[in-house]
Amino acid sequence: MKLLEKVRKFMYERYGIDDLYCFLFGICIFLCFLNIFMKNNIIGLLELIVFFYAFFRLFSKNGNARRKENRMYLNMKEKIKRPFEVIIKNRKDKEHIYKKCRKCKTILKFPLPAKRGMKIAKCPKCQNCISFYAFKYQKIEIIKDKKSIKI
């Protein structure tokens, strides 16, 4: 119990674990496994640098700077994921087809058609024509910024 109390007291104003820390620790583990097979000093040095930077962030008392770094990491991660958003949604949801309007960049959700066929639908927001495989005209749902609006 005394050791737990000492650890709690030590970590009181420390920054702790966030998404960037988890990413850096994952890179460190990957580099460790890579170094086992390749036995390269540069990879070993890079592994140590990433490891110490991750733990520096973990034990840092400057929370504002660490939050700023984490926010920059999350923004960069979001920019990388954004082009693949429709593909990811189409893989996960087997009952709908997701298409992105080229004009207004709105993600449209179409119900999975009963028959195959090329259909053209208008975006409810900008009236741009979108062609997709569908079976019959049904309600279109707009999905943008994790909000869902039925039309």
Protein backbone atom coordinates (compact mmCIF):
# COMPACT_ATOMS: atom_id res chain seq x y z
CA MET A 1 0.00 0.00 0.00
CA LYS A 2 2.86 2.37 0.73
CA LEU A 3 4.40 1.83 -2.73
CA LEU A 4 1.09 2.56 -4.43
CA GLU A 5 0.75 5.74 -2.39
CA LYS A 6 4.27 6.85 -3.39
CA VAL A 7 3.54 6.20 -7.09
CA ARG A 8 0.30 8.14 -6.80
CA LYS A 9 2.10 11.03 -5.15
CA PHE A 10 4.85 11.01 -7.81
CA MET A 11 2.36 11.01 -10.71
CA TYR A 12 0.13 13.70 -9.15
CA GLU A 13 0.87 16.62 -11.52
CA ARG A 14 2.38 14.57 -14.35
CA TYR A 15 0.83 14.57 -17.82
CA GLY A 16 0.24 10.82 -18.19
CA ILE A 17 -0.85 8.67 -21.12
CA ASP A 18 -2.54 10.04 -24.25
CA ASP A 19 -2.93 9.05 -27.91
CA LEU A 20 0.49 10.31 -28.98
CA TYR A 21 2.15 8.38 -26.16
CA CYS A 22 0.40 5.18 -27.26
CA PHE A 23 1.48 5.79 -30.88
CA LEU A 24 5.09 6.44 -29.86
CA PHE A 25 5.14 3.37 -27.64
CA GLY A 26 3.77 1.27 -30.51
CA ILE A 27 6.51 2.60 -32.80
CA CYS A 28 9.06 1.78 -30.11
CA ILE A 29 7.83 -1.82 -29.87
CA PHE A 30 7.83 -2.13 -33.69
CA LEU A 31 11.40 -0.80 -33.85
CA CYS A 32 12.42 -3.22 -31.09
CA PHE A 33 11.13 -6.22 -33.08
CA LEU A 34 12.67 -4.83 -36.25
CA ASN A 35 16.00 -4.43 -34.47
CA ILE A 36 15.89 -8.05 -33.27
CA PHE A 37 15.84 -9.30 -36.87
CA MET A 38 17.97 -6.66 -38.58
CA LYS A 39 20.54 -5.92 -35.82
CA ASN A 40 21.14 -2.34 -36.94
CA ASN A 41 22.66 0.33 -34.67
CA ILE A 42 20.69 3.14 -36.34
CA ILE A 43 17.40 1.36 -35.65
CA GLY A 44 18.53 0.77 -32.05
CA LEU A 45 19.39 4.45 -31.62
CA LEU A 46 16.07 5.51 -33.15
CA GLU A 47 14.29 3.09 -30.83
CA LEU A 48 15.96 4.66 -27.77
CA ILE A 49 15.15 8.19 -28.92
CA VAL A 50 11.46 7.34 -29.42
CA PHE A 51 11.37 5.46 -26.08
CA PHE A 52 12.87 8.34 -24.10
CA TYR A 53 10.67 10.92 -25.83
CA ALA A 54 7.55 8.86 -25.02
CA PHE A 55 8.54 8.60 -21.37
CA PHE A 56 9.54 12.26 -21.26
CA ARG A 57 5.97 13.08 -22.37
CA LEU A 58 4.55 10.63 -19.81
CA PHE A 59 6.32 12.22 -16.84
CA SER A 60 6.23 15.84 -18.01
CA LYS A 61 4.71 18.49 -15.77
CA ASN A 62 4.14 20.90 -18.69
CA GLY A 63 0.61 19.79 -19.55
CA ASN A 64 -0.15 22.65 -21.94
CA ALA A 65 2.75 21.81 -24.26
CA ARG A 66 1.90 18.07 -24.18
CA ARG A 67 -1.79 18.79 -24.96
CA LYS A 68 -0.71 20.97 -27.89
CA GLU A 69 1.54 18.16 -29.22
CA ASN A 70 -1.28 15.63 -28.81
CA ARG A 71 -3.76 17.93 -30.58
CA MET A 72 -1.32 18.34 -33.50
CA TYR A 73 -0.94 14.54 -33.68
CA LEU A 74 -4.71 13.99 -33.64
CA ASN A 75 -5.24 16.62 -36.38
CA MET A 76 -2.58 14.98 -38.54
CA LYS A 77 -4.11 11.54 -37.92
CA GLU A 78 -7.54 12.88 -38.93
CA LYS A 79 -6.15 14.39 -42.14
CA ILE A 80 -4.60 11.05 -43.05
CA LYS A 81 -7.82 9.11 -42.28
CA ARG A 82 -10.21 11.54 -44.03
CA PRO A 83 -9.71 10.30 -47.64
CA PHE A 84 -10.39 6.73 -46.52
CA GLU A 85 -13.50 7.57 -44.47
CA VAL A 86 -15.99 6.40 -47.11
CA ILE A 87 -14.06 3.18 -47.76
CA ILE A 88 -13.96 2.38 -44.03
CA LYS A 89 -17.70 3.03 -43.66
CA ASN A 90 -18.50 0.84 -46.70
CA ARG A 91 -16.43 -2.00 -45.19
CA LYS A 92 -18.08 -1.77 -41.77
CA ASP A 93 -21.73 -1.22 -42.75
CA LYS A 94 -23.09 -4.05 -44.90
CA GLU A 95 -26.61 -2.59 -45.16
CA HIS A 96 -25.80 0.78 -46.76
CA ILE A 97 -23.70 2.33 -49.52
CA TYR A 98 -21.72 5.47 -48.71
CA LYS A 99 -20.79 7.99 -51.39
CA LYS A 100 -19.15 11.39 -51.12
CA CYS A 101 -20.56 14.34 -53.03
CA ARG A 102 -17.77 15.83 -55.13
CA LYS A 103 -19.14 19.34 -54.91
CA CYS A 104 -19.96 19.87 -51.23
CA LYS A 105 -17.94 16.93 -49.76
CA THR A 106 -20.99 15.65 -47.86
CA ILE A 107 -21.08 11.92 -47.15
CA LEU A 108 -24.37 10.42 -48.33
CA LYS A 109 -25.79 7.17 -47.02
CA PHE A 110 -27.86 5.09 -49.45
CA PRO A 111 -29.71 1.92 -48.45
CA LEU A 112 -28.35 -1.27 -49.97
CA PRO A 113 -30.41 -1.93 -53.10
CA ALA A 114 -32.37 -5.14 -53.68
CA LYS A 115 -31.40 -5.29 -57.38
CA ARG A 116 -28.22 -4.23 -59.06
CA GLY A 117 -28.23 -1.29 -61.39
CA MET A 118 -26.68 2.07 -62.02
CA LYS A 119 -28.67 4.91 -60.45
CA ILE A 120 -28.27 8.65 -60.31
CA ALA A 121 -29.25 10.59 -57.20
CA LYS A 122 -29.12 14.27 -56.33
CA CYS A 123 -27.31 15.49 -53.29
CA PRO A 124 -29.98 17.00 -51.00
CA LYS A 125 -27.59 19.75 -49.96
CA CYS A 126 -26.16 21.08 -53.25
CA GLN A 127 -28.32 19.31 -55.89
CA ASN A 128 -25.23 17.76 -57.54
CA CYS A 129 -25.84 14.48 -59.42
CA ILE A 130 -24.15 11.38 -57.98
CA SER A 131 -24.09 8.05 -59.80
CA PHE A 132 -23.90 4.82 -57.82
CA TYR A 133 -25.06 1.21 -57.91
CA ALA A 134 -28.56 1.04 -56.47
CA PHE A 135 -31.87 -0.75 -57.01
CA LYS A 136 -34.63 1.78 -56.43
CA TYR A 137 -35.10 5.34 -55.16
CA GLN A 138 -35.20 5.47 -51.38
CA LYS A 139 -34.59 8.06 -48.68
CA ILE A 140 -31.11 9.54 -48.54
CA GLU A 141 -29.41 10.26 -45.22
CA ILE A 142 -26.71 12.94 -44.93
CA ILE A 143 -23.79 12.16 -42.66
CA LYS A 144 -21.29 14.87 -41.84
CA ASP A 145 -19.29 15.64 -38.70
CA LYS A 146 -20.73 12.66 -36.80
CA LYS A 147 -24.23 14.13 -37.12
CA SER A 148 -27.02 12.43 -38.96
CA ILE A 149 -29.83 14.34 -40.71
CA LYS A 150 -32.65 12.43 -42.38
CA ILE A 151 -34.22 13.87 -45.53
